[in-house]
N, C-alpha and C. Protein backbone atom coordinates (compact mmCIF):
# COMPACT_ATOMS: atom_id res chain seq x y z
N UNK A 1 25.37 -7.16 55.37
CA UNK A 1 25.44 -8.54 55.76
C UNK A 1 25.51 -9.42 54.50
N UNK A 2 26.42 -10.34 54.48
CA UNK A 2 26.57 -11.24 53.35
C UNK A 2 25.55 -12.37 53.42
N UNK A 3 25.05 -12.78 52.25
CA UNK A 3 24.12 -13.91 52.18
C UNK A 3 24.93 -15.19 52.25
N UNK A 4 24.52 -16.11 53.16
CA UNK A 4 25.25 -17.38 53.27
C UNK A 4 25.25 -18.12 51.93
N UNK A 5 26.33 -18.78 51.64
CA UNK A 5 26.50 -19.49 50.38
C UNK A 5 25.41 -20.54 50.15
N UNK A 6 25.02 -21.27 51.21
CA UNK A 6 24.01 -22.32 51.01
C UNK A 6 22.67 -21.72 50.57
N UNK A 7 22.33 -20.48 50.99
CA UNK A 7 21.09 -19.84 50.53
C UNK A 7 21.18 -19.48 49.06
N UNK A 8 22.34 -18.99 48.65
CA UNK A 8 22.52 -18.68 47.24
C UNK A 8 22.38 -19.93 46.38
N UNK A 9 22.94 -21.05 46.85
CA UNK A 9 22.85 -22.31 46.13
C UNK A 9 21.39 -22.77 46.05
N UNK A 10 20.63 -22.66 47.16
CA UNK A 10 19.22 -23.04 47.16
C UNK A 10 18.41 -22.19 46.20
N UNK A 11 18.64 -20.87 46.24
CA UNK A 11 17.90 -19.97 45.35
C UNK A 11 18.24 -20.29 43.91
N UNK A 12 19.51 -20.43 43.60
CA UNK A 12 19.93 -20.72 42.24
C UNK A 12 19.39 -22.08 41.79
N UNK A 13 19.45 -23.07 42.67
CA UNK A 13 18.95 -24.40 42.33
C UNK A 13 17.46 -24.37 42.04
N UNK A 14 16.71 -23.63 42.82
CA UNK A 14 15.28 -23.50 42.59
C UNK A 14 14.99 -22.88 41.24
N UNK A 15 15.76 -21.88 40.85
CA UNK A 15 15.59 -21.24 39.55
C UNK A 15 15.88 -22.23 38.43
N UNK A 16 16.98 -22.95 38.57
CA UNK A 16 17.38 -23.90 37.55
C UNK A 16 16.34 -25.01 37.41
N UNK A 17 15.76 -25.46 38.53
CA UNK A 17 14.79 -26.54 38.47
C UNK A 17 13.44 -26.08 37.91
N UNK A 18 13.03 -24.85 38.21
CA UNK A 18 11.71 -24.41 37.74
C UNK A 18 11.73 -23.91 36.31
N UNK A 19 12.83 -23.39 35.83
CA UNK A 19 12.87 -22.86 34.49
C UNK A 19 12.59 -23.91 33.42
N UNK A 20 13.23 -25.10 33.46
CA UNK A 20 12.92 -26.10 32.44
C UNK A 20 11.46 -26.57 32.48
N UNK A 21 10.85 -26.61 33.66
CA UNK A 21 9.46 -27.03 33.75
C UNK A 21 8.58 -26.03 33.00
N UNK A 22 8.82 -24.74 33.19
CA UNK A 22 8.04 -23.72 32.48
C UNK A 22 8.29 -23.83 30.98
N UNK A 23 9.52 -24.08 30.57
CA UNK A 23 9.85 -24.18 29.16
C UNK A 23 9.21 -25.42 28.53
N UNK A 24 9.05 -26.50 29.30
CA UNK A 24 8.47 -27.72 28.74
C UNK A 24 7.00 -27.54 28.36
N UNK A 25 6.31 -26.60 28.97
CA UNK A 25 4.90 -26.40 28.66
C UNK A 25 4.71 -25.54 27.41
N UNK A 26 5.78 -25.08 26.83
CA UNK A 26 5.71 -24.26 25.63
C UNK A 26 6.27 -25.06 24.45
N UNK A 27 5.74 -24.77 23.28
CA UNK A 27 6.20 -25.46 22.08
C UNK A 27 7.39 -24.70 21.49
N UNK A 28 8.43 -25.42 21.11
CA UNK A 28 9.60 -24.82 20.48
C UNK A 28 9.35 -24.79 18.97
N UNK A 29 9.49 -23.59 18.40
CA UNK A 29 9.27 -23.42 16.96
C UNK A 29 10.47 -22.72 16.36
N UNK A 30 10.63 -22.85 15.07
CA UNK A 30 11.68 -22.16 14.35
C UNK A 30 11.21 -20.79 13.90
N UNK A 31 12.08 -20.05 13.26
CA UNK A 31 11.70 -18.71 12.78
C UNK A 31 10.82 -18.78 11.55
N UNK A 32 10.79 -19.95 10.90
CA UNK A 32 9.86 -20.23 9.80
C UNK A 32 9.08 -21.48 10.15
N UNK A 33 7.76 -21.45 9.95
CA UNK A 33 6.92 -22.60 10.25
C UNK A 33 5.76 -22.66 9.27
N UNK A 34 5.16 -23.84 9.15
CA UNK A 34 3.92 -23.99 8.40
C UNK A 34 2.78 -23.82 9.39
N UNK A 35 1.74 -23.11 8.95
CA UNK A 35 0.55 -22.89 9.78
C UNK A 35 -0.69 -23.21 8.95
N UNK A 36 -1.79 -23.47 9.64
CA UNK A 36 -3.09 -23.60 8.98
C UNK A 36 -3.96 -22.46 9.48
N UNK A 37 -4.72 -21.87 8.56
CA UNK A 37 -5.64 -20.81 8.96
C UNK A 37 -7.08 -21.30 8.79
N UNK A 38 -7.93 -20.82 9.68
CA UNK A 38 -9.34 -21.20 9.71
C UNK A 38 -10.20 -19.96 9.85
N UNK A 39 -11.34 -19.92 9.15
CA UNK A 39 -11.85 -20.98 8.28
C UNK A 39 -11.00 -21.10 7.02
N UNK A 40 -11.22 -22.13 6.26
CA UNK A 40 -10.51 -22.33 5.01
C UNK A 40 -9.56 -23.50 5.02
N UNK A 41 -9.02 -23.86 6.21
CA UNK A 41 -8.09 -24.99 6.33
C UNK A 41 -6.95 -24.89 5.31
N UNK A 42 -6.41 -23.69 5.19
CA UNK A 42 -5.38 -23.41 4.20
C UNK A 42 -4.00 -23.48 4.85
N UNK A 43 -3.09 -24.25 4.25
CA UNK A 43 -1.72 -24.39 4.76
C UNK A 43 -0.85 -23.29 4.16
N UNK A 44 -0.17 -22.54 5.03
CA UNK A 44 0.69 -21.44 4.60
C UNK A 44 2.05 -21.52 5.26
N UNK A 45 3.03 -20.93 4.62
CA UNK A 45 4.36 -20.79 5.21
C UNK A 45 4.41 -19.43 5.90
N UNK A 46 4.86 -19.42 7.15
CA UNK A 46 4.82 -18.19 7.93
C UNK A 46 6.17 -17.92 8.59
N UNK A 47 6.47 -16.65 8.73
CA UNK A 47 7.64 -16.20 9.47
C UNK A 47 7.16 -15.82 10.87
N UNK A 48 7.79 -16.35 11.89
CA UNK A 48 7.45 -16.02 13.27
C UNK A 48 8.22 -14.74 13.60
N UNK A 49 7.47 -13.67 13.89
CA UNK A 49 8.05 -12.34 13.98
C UNK A 49 7.82 -11.72 15.35
N UNK A 50 8.85 -11.72 16.19
CA UNK A 50 8.72 -11.14 17.53
C UNK A 50 8.65 -9.62 17.49
N UNK A 51 8.94 -9.03 16.36
CA UNK A 51 8.88 -7.57 16.24
C UNK A 51 7.49 -7.05 15.91
N UNK A 52 6.57 -7.95 15.61
CA UNK A 52 5.20 -7.55 15.24
C UNK A 52 4.25 -7.91 16.38
N UNK A 53 3.42 -6.97 16.78
CA UNK A 53 2.43 -7.27 17.82
C UNK A 53 1.38 -8.24 17.29
N UNK A 54 0.84 -7.96 16.12
CA UNK A 54 -0.21 -8.80 15.54
C UNK A 54 0.31 -9.50 14.28
N UNK A 55 -0.42 -10.50 13.87
CA UNK A 55 -0.07 -11.25 12.68
C UNK A 55 -0.56 -10.53 11.43
N UNK A 56 0.10 -10.80 10.30
CA UNK A 56 -0.26 -10.23 9.00
C UNK A 56 -0.42 -11.35 8.00
N UNK A 57 -1.37 -11.18 7.09
CA UNK A 57 -1.67 -12.19 6.09
C UNK A 57 -1.67 -11.58 4.70
N UNK A 58 -1.01 -12.26 3.76
CA UNK A 58 -1.03 -11.83 2.36
C UNK A 58 -2.43 -12.06 1.80
N UNK A 59 -3.09 -10.98 1.42
CA UNK A 59 -4.45 -11.06 0.88
C UNK A 59 -4.55 -10.22 -0.38
N UNK A 60 -5.37 -10.68 -1.29
CA UNK A 60 -5.61 -9.91 -2.53
C UNK A 60 -7.12 -9.70 -2.69
N UNK A 61 -7.45 -8.80 -3.59
CA UNK A 61 -8.85 -8.49 -3.89
C UNK A 61 -9.65 -8.18 -2.62
N UNK A 62 -9.09 -7.32 -1.77
CA UNK A 62 -9.72 -6.97 -0.50
C UNK A 62 -10.84 -5.96 -0.75
N UNK A 63 -12.04 -6.34 -0.35
CA UNK A 63 -13.21 -5.47 -0.55
C UNK A 63 -13.96 -5.36 0.77
N UNK A 64 -14.24 -4.13 1.18
CA UNK A 64 -15.03 -3.89 2.38
C UNK A 64 -16.50 -3.81 1.96
N UNK A 65 -17.39 -4.41 2.77
CA UNK A 65 -18.82 -4.35 2.49
C UNK A 65 -19.60 -4.41 3.80
N UNK A 66 -20.89 -4.14 3.71
CA UNK A 66 -21.74 -4.15 4.90
C UNK A 66 -22.65 -5.36 4.86
N UNK A 67 -22.80 -6.00 6.03
CA UNK A 67 -23.71 -7.14 6.17
C UNK A 67 -24.42 -7.00 7.52
N UNK A 68 -25.72 -6.97 7.49
CA UNK A 68 -26.52 -6.87 8.72
C UNK A 68 -26.08 -5.71 9.61
N UNK A 69 -25.75 -4.59 8.98
CA UNK A 69 -25.37 -3.39 9.73
C UNK A 69 -23.94 -3.39 10.26
N UNK A 70 -23.15 -4.40 9.91
CA UNK A 70 -21.75 -4.48 10.35
C UNK A 70 -20.82 -4.44 9.15
N UNK A 71 -19.62 -3.97 9.38
CA UNK A 71 -18.61 -3.92 8.31
C UNK A 71 -17.90 -5.27 8.21
N UNK A 72 -17.76 -5.76 7.01
CA UNK A 72 -17.10 -7.02 6.70
C UNK A 72 -16.06 -6.78 5.62
N UNK A 73 -15.17 -7.76 5.43
CA UNK A 73 -14.24 -7.73 4.31
C UNK A 73 -14.25 -9.08 3.61
N UNK A 74 -14.13 -9.01 2.29
CA UNK A 74 -13.98 -10.20 1.45
C UNK A 74 -12.58 -10.11 0.85
N UNK A 75 -11.87 -11.23 0.85
CA UNK A 75 -10.50 -11.23 0.34
C UNK A 75 -10.12 -12.64 -0.09
N UNK A 76 -9.10 -12.71 -0.92
CA UNK A 76 -8.58 -14.00 -1.40
C UNK A 76 -7.21 -14.25 -0.79
N UNK A 77 -6.96 -15.54 -0.48
CA UNK A 77 -5.64 -15.99 -0.04
C UNK A 77 -5.27 -17.17 -0.93
N UNK A 78 -4.05 -17.14 -1.46
CA UNK A 78 -3.57 -18.19 -2.35
C UNK A 78 -2.36 -18.85 -1.71
N UNK A 79 -2.39 -20.19 -1.64
CA UNK A 79 -1.25 -20.91 -1.06
C UNK A 79 -0.18 -21.17 -2.12
N UNK A 80 0.88 -21.85 -1.73
CA UNK A 80 1.99 -22.11 -2.65
C UNK A 80 1.62 -23.04 -3.80
N UNK A 81 0.55 -23.82 -3.62
CA UNK A 81 0.08 -24.71 -4.67
C UNK A 81 -0.93 -24.03 -5.59
N UNK A 82 -1.07 -22.72 -5.42
CA UNK A 82 -1.97 -21.87 -6.21
C UNK A 82 -3.44 -22.17 -5.95
N UNK A 83 -3.73 -22.76 -4.79
CA UNK A 83 -5.13 -22.94 -4.37
C UNK A 83 -5.57 -21.63 -3.74
N UNK A 84 -6.65 -21.06 -4.25
CA UNK A 84 -7.15 -19.80 -3.74
C UNK A 84 -8.44 -20.03 -2.98
N UNK A 85 -8.53 -19.44 -1.79
CA UNK A 85 -9.74 -19.50 -0.97
C UNK A 85 -10.21 -18.07 -0.78
N UNK A 86 -11.52 -17.86 -0.98
CA UNK A 86 -12.12 -16.56 -0.72
C UNK A 86 -12.71 -16.57 0.68
N UNK A 87 -12.35 -15.58 1.46
CA UNK A 87 -12.82 -15.45 2.84
C UNK A 87 -13.77 -14.27 2.94
N UNK A 88 -14.72 -14.37 3.86
CA UNK A 88 -15.54 -13.24 4.27
C UNK A 88 -15.51 -13.22 5.78
N UNK A 89 -14.97 -12.16 6.35
CA UNK A 89 -14.81 -12.04 7.80
C UNK A 89 -15.30 -10.67 8.26
N UNK A 90 -15.84 -10.65 9.47
CA UNK A 90 -16.27 -9.38 10.05
C UNK A 90 -15.04 -8.53 10.34
N UNK A 91 -15.13 -7.26 10.03
CA UNK A 91 -14.03 -6.32 10.25
C UNK A 91 -13.97 -5.97 11.74
N UNK A 92 -12.81 -6.18 12.35
CA UNK A 92 -12.61 -5.80 13.76
C UNK A 92 -12.32 -4.31 13.87
N UNK A 93 -11.40 -3.86 13.03
CA UNK A 93 -10.99 -2.46 13.07
C UNK A 93 -10.10 -2.19 11.87
N UNK A 94 -9.79 -0.93 11.67
CA UNK A 94 -8.77 -0.56 10.70
C UNK A 94 -7.54 -0.20 11.52
N UNK A 95 -6.52 -1.05 11.43
CA UNK A 95 -5.29 -0.86 12.19
C UNK A 95 -4.36 0.11 11.46
N UNK A 96 -3.60 0.87 12.20
CA UNK A 96 -2.58 1.73 11.61
C UNK A 96 -1.23 1.10 11.94
N UNK A 97 -0.62 0.50 10.93
CA UNK A 97 0.61 -0.25 11.10
C UNK A 97 1.80 0.68 10.89
N UNK A 98 2.68 0.73 11.90
CA UNK A 98 3.88 1.55 11.79
C UNK A 98 4.86 0.85 10.86
N UNK A 99 5.46 1.65 9.98
CA UNK A 99 6.46 1.11 9.06
C UNK A 99 7.70 1.97 9.14
N UNK A 100 8.83 1.32 9.14
CA UNK A 100 10.11 2.02 9.26
C UNK A 100 10.29 3.01 8.11
N UNK A 101 10.46 4.27 8.46
CA UNK A 101 10.74 5.29 7.46
C UNK A 101 9.55 5.73 6.64
N UNK A 102 8.33 5.33 7.02
CA UNK A 102 7.13 5.69 6.26
C UNK A 102 6.01 6.10 7.20
N UNK A 103 4.96 6.63 6.61
CA UNK A 103 3.76 6.93 7.38
C UNK A 103 3.08 5.63 7.79
N UNK A 104 2.31 5.65 8.88
CA UNK A 104 1.54 4.45 9.24
C UNK A 104 0.60 4.04 8.10
N UNK A 105 0.48 2.74 7.88
CA UNK A 105 -0.34 2.21 6.81
C UNK A 105 -1.65 1.65 7.38
N UNK A 106 -2.81 2.13 6.90
CA UNK A 106 -4.07 1.56 7.38
C UNK A 106 -4.28 0.17 6.78
N UNK A 107 -4.69 -0.77 7.64
CA UNK A 107 -4.96 -2.13 7.18
C UNK A 107 -6.22 -2.65 7.87
N UNK A 108 -6.99 -3.43 7.13
CA UNK A 108 -8.16 -4.08 7.71
C UNK A 108 -7.67 -5.17 8.66
N UNK A 109 -8.26 -5.25 9.84
CA UNK A 109 -7.93 -6.29 10.82
C UNK A 109 -9.15 -7.15 11.07
N UNK A 110 -8.93 -8.46 11.07
CA UNK A 110 -9.99 -9.44 11.26
C UNK A 110 -9.58 -10.43 12.35
N UNK A 111 -10.51 -11.27 12.76
CA UNK A 111 -10.21 -12.36 13.68
C UNK A 111 -10.07 -13.63 12.85
N UNK A 112 -8.96 -14.33 13.02
CA UNK A 112 -8.69 -15.52 12.21
C UNK A 112 -8.12 -16.60 13.11
N UNK A 113 -8.53 -17.85 12.89
CA UNK A 113 -7.98 -18.98 13.63
C UNK A 113 -6.67 -19.42 12.99
N UNK A 114 -5.65 -19.63 13.84
CA UNK A 114 -4.34 -20.06 13.36
C UNK A 114 -3.93 -21.30 14.14
N UNK A 115 -3.42 -22.30 13.43
CA UNK A 115 -2.86 -23.50 14.04
C UNK A 115 -1.37 -23.54 13.73
N UNK A 116 -0.56 -23.53 14.78
CA UNK A 116 0.90 -23.65 14.69
C UNK A 116 1.30 -24.78 15.62
N UNK A 117 1.82 -25.87 15.06
CA UNK A 117 2.13 -27.04 15.89
C UNK A 117 0.85 -27.56 16.51
N UNK A 118 0.82 -27.67 17.85
CA UNK A 118 -0.37 -28.11 18.58
C UNK A 118 -1.19 -26.94 19.11
N UNK A 119 -0.82 -25.73 18.76
CA UNK A 119 -1.46 -24.55 19.33
C UNK A 119 -2.46 -23.97 18.35
N UNK A 120 -3.71 -23.81 18.82
CA UNK A 120 -4.75 -23.15 18.03
C UNK A 120 -5.23 -21.95 18.80
N UNK A 121 -5.31 -20.82 18.12
CA UNK A 121 -5.80 -19.61 18.76
C UNK A 121 -6.41 -18.72 17.69
N UNK A 122 -7.49 -18.05 18.07
CA UNK A 122 -8.06 -17.03 17.20
C UNK A 122 -7.47 -15.69 17.62
N UNK A 123 -6.84 -15.01 16.65
CA UNK A 123 -6.16 -13.75 16.95
C UNK A 123 -6.46 -12.71 15.87
N UNK A 124 -6.16 -11.47 16.21
CA UNK A 124 -6.28 -10.40 15.24
C UNK A 124 -5.20 -10.55 14.19
N UNK A 125 -5.63 -10.45 12.93
CA UNK A 125 -4.72 -10.55 11.78
C UNK A 125 -5.02 -9.38 10.86
N UNK A 126 -3.97 -8.68 10.45
CA UNK A 126 -4.20 -7.60 9.49
C UNK A 126 -3.91 -8.09 8.08
N UNK A 127 -4.68 -7.55 7.13
CA UNK A 127 -4.60 -7.97 5.74
C UNK A 127 -3.75 -6.99 4.95
N UNK A 128 -2.84 -7.52 4.16
CA UNK A 128 -1.92 -6.67 3.40
C UNK A 128 -1.45 -7.43 2.16
N UNK A 129 -1.08 -6.70 1.14
CA UNK A 129 -0.48 -7.31 -0.04
C UNK A 129 0.98 -7.62 0.28
N UNK A 130 1.29 -8.90 0.49
CA UNK A 130 2.65 -9.35 0.77
C UNK A 130 3.22 -10.09 -0.45
N UNK A 131 2.69 -9.84 -1.62
CA UNK A 131 3.11 -10.58 -2.80
C UNK A 131 4.58 -10.37 -3.14
N UNK A 132 5.18 -9.28 -2.66
CA UNK A 132 6.61 -9.05 -2.88
C UNK A 132 7.48 -9.75 -1.85
N UNK A 133 6.84 -10.40 -0.86
CA UNK A 133 7.58 -11.09 0.20
C UNK A 133 7.58 -12.58 -0.05
N UNK A 134 8.55 -13.28 0.52
CA UNK A 134 8.66 -14.72 0.35
C UNK A 134 7.57 -15.46 1.12
N UNK A 135 7.24 -14.97 2.33
CA UNK A 135 6.33 -15.69 3.22
C UNK A 135 4.96 -15.03 3.24
N UNK A 136 3.94 -15.87 3.16
CA UNK A 136 2.57 -15.40 3.04
C UNK A 136 2.01 -14.83 4.33
N UNK A 137 2.66 -15.14 5.44
CA UNK A 137 2.11 -14.73 6.72
C UNK A 137 3.22 -14.43 7.70
N UNK A 138 2.95 -13.46 8.56
CA UNK A 138 3.79 -13.19 9.73
C UNK A 138 2.97 -13.58 10.95
N UNK A 139 3.57 -14.30 11.86
CA UNK A 139 2.92 -14.65 13.13
C UNK A 139 3.49 -13.72 14.19
N UNK A 140 2.63 -12.89 14.76
CA UNK A 140 3.06 -11.89 15.73
C UNK A 140 2.97 -12.36 17.17
N UNK A 141 3.36 -11.45 18.08
CA UNK A 141 3.41 -11.76 19.51
C UNK A 141 2.05 -12.07 20.12
N UNK A 142 0.97 -11.53 19.58
CA UNK A 142 -0.35 -11.81 20.16
C UNK A 142 -0.67 -13.31 20.07
N UNK A 143 -0.07 -14.00 19.12
CA UNK A 143 -0.24 -15.45 19.02
C UNK A 143 0.81 -16.19 19.85
N UNK A 144 2.05 -15.78 19.77
CA UNK A 144 3.14 -16.56 20.38
C UNK A 144 3.34 -16.32 21.87
N UNK A 145 2.93 -15.18 22.36
CA UNK A 145 3.19 -14.80 23.76
C UNK A 145 2.70 -15.86 24.74
N UNK A 146 3.65 -16.37 25.55
CA UNK A 146 3.32 -17.34 26.58
C UNK A 146 3.09 -18.75 26.06
N UNK A 147 3.19 -18.97 24.76
CA UNK A 147 2.88 -20.27 24.18
C UNK A 147 4.06 -20.96 23.51
N UNK A 148 4.99 -20.17 22.97
CA UNK A 148 6.08 -20.77 22.22
C UNK A 148 7.44 -20.20 22.64
N UNK A 149 8.43 -20.98 22.37
CA UNK A 149 9.82 -20.54 22.45
C UNK A 149 10.35 -20.60 21.03
N UNK A 150 10.90 -19.51 20.57
CA UNK A 150 11.37 -19.43 19.19
C UNK A 150 12.87 -19.67 19.15
N UNK A 151 13.26 -20.67 18.36
CA UNK A 151 14.68 -20.93 18.14
C UNK A 151 15.03 -20.31 16.79
N UNK A 152 15.71 -19.16 16.80
CA UNK A 152 15.98 -18.46 15.54
C UNK A 152 16.98 -19.17 14.65
N UNK A 153 17.62 -20.23 15.14
CA UNK A 153 18.56 -20.97 14.30
C UNK A 153 17.89 -22.12 13.56
N UNK A 154 16.58 -22.32 13.80
CA UNK A 154 15.88 -23.47 13.21
C UNK A 154 14.71 -23.03 12.32
N UNK A 155 14.31 -23.94 11.44
CA UNK A 155 13.14 -23.74 10.58
C UNK A 155 12.32 -25.02 10.59
N UNK A 156 11.01 -24.86 10.48
CA UNK A 156 10.06 -25.96 10.30
C UNK A 156 10.26 -27.09 11.33
N UNK A 157 10.19 -26.73 12.60
CA UNK A 157 10.30 -27.71 13.67
C UNK A 157 8.98 -28.41 13.96
N UNK A 158 7.87 -27.82 13.54
CA UNK A 158 6.55 -28.38 13.83
C UNK A 158 5.73 -28.49 12.55
N UNK A 159 4.62 -29.19 12.68
CA UNK A 159 3.61 -29.23 11.63
C UNK A 159 2.29 -28.89 12.28
N UNK A 160 1.42 -28.17 11.60
CA UNK A 160 0.14 -27.85 12.23
C UNK A 160 -0.70 -29.10 12.44
N UNK A 161 -0.97 -29.42 13.71
CA UNK A 161 -1.73 -30.62 14.05
C UNK A 161 -2.67 -30.34 15.23
N UNK A 162 -3.45 -29.30 15.08
CA UNK A 162 -4.40 -28.93 16.13
C UNK A 162 -5.64 -29.82 16.05
N UNK A 163 -6.16 -30.17 17.21
CA UNK A 163 -7.37 -30.99 17.26
C UNK A 163 -8.57 -30.11 17.62
N UNK A 164 -9.72 -30.52 17.12
CA UNK A 164 -10.94 -29.84 17.47
C UNK A 164 -11.15 -28.49 16.82
N UNK A 165 -10.50 -28.24 15.69
CA UNK A 165 -10.69 -26.96 14.99
C UNK A 165 -11.58 -27.20 13.78
N UNK A 166 -12.22 -26.16 13.27
CA UNK A 166 -13.09 -26.33 12.10
C UNK A 166 -12.30 -26.86 10.91
N UNK A 167 -12.88 -27.79 10.20
CA UNK A 167 -12.18 -28.40 9.05
C UNK A 167 -12.50 -27.71 7.73
N UNK A 168 -13.42 -26.77 7.71
CA UNK A 168 -13.76 -26.11 6.44
C UNK A 168 -13.10 -24.79 6.29
């Protein structure tokens, strides 16, 4: 039995009308954006990476230590203006990151607050030496999923302007 044309038009019209509404509730970002990380209130340039599940942060002087019976990490992050902030964060886990053509690489994973545009979320971030890369941070799907639409033809469409986040 063929579907009447008017039903196809109604179904198609409903799809067309609801899709923009869903898209309007998400922030459009480019493939490169500025983000702020918390604690530290440090401004970084980040690549939005749909191929990565979690975010990665360029960190140096990474040291694991114990505090109150829990594992922690201390590390430095330096922005483009050469401002360095030392962080101490509780260790969530040691992630095994798959790399093309190589063995999985163990990395310390922490919980870090990220502000991209108007979106603030605390997500798992793995620490790695990205000094050979142009961008200090990769923003992965755990942050972007359901929140942003990425326009791969654009860069720096937003500025981090989250309200109610820690300022230190």
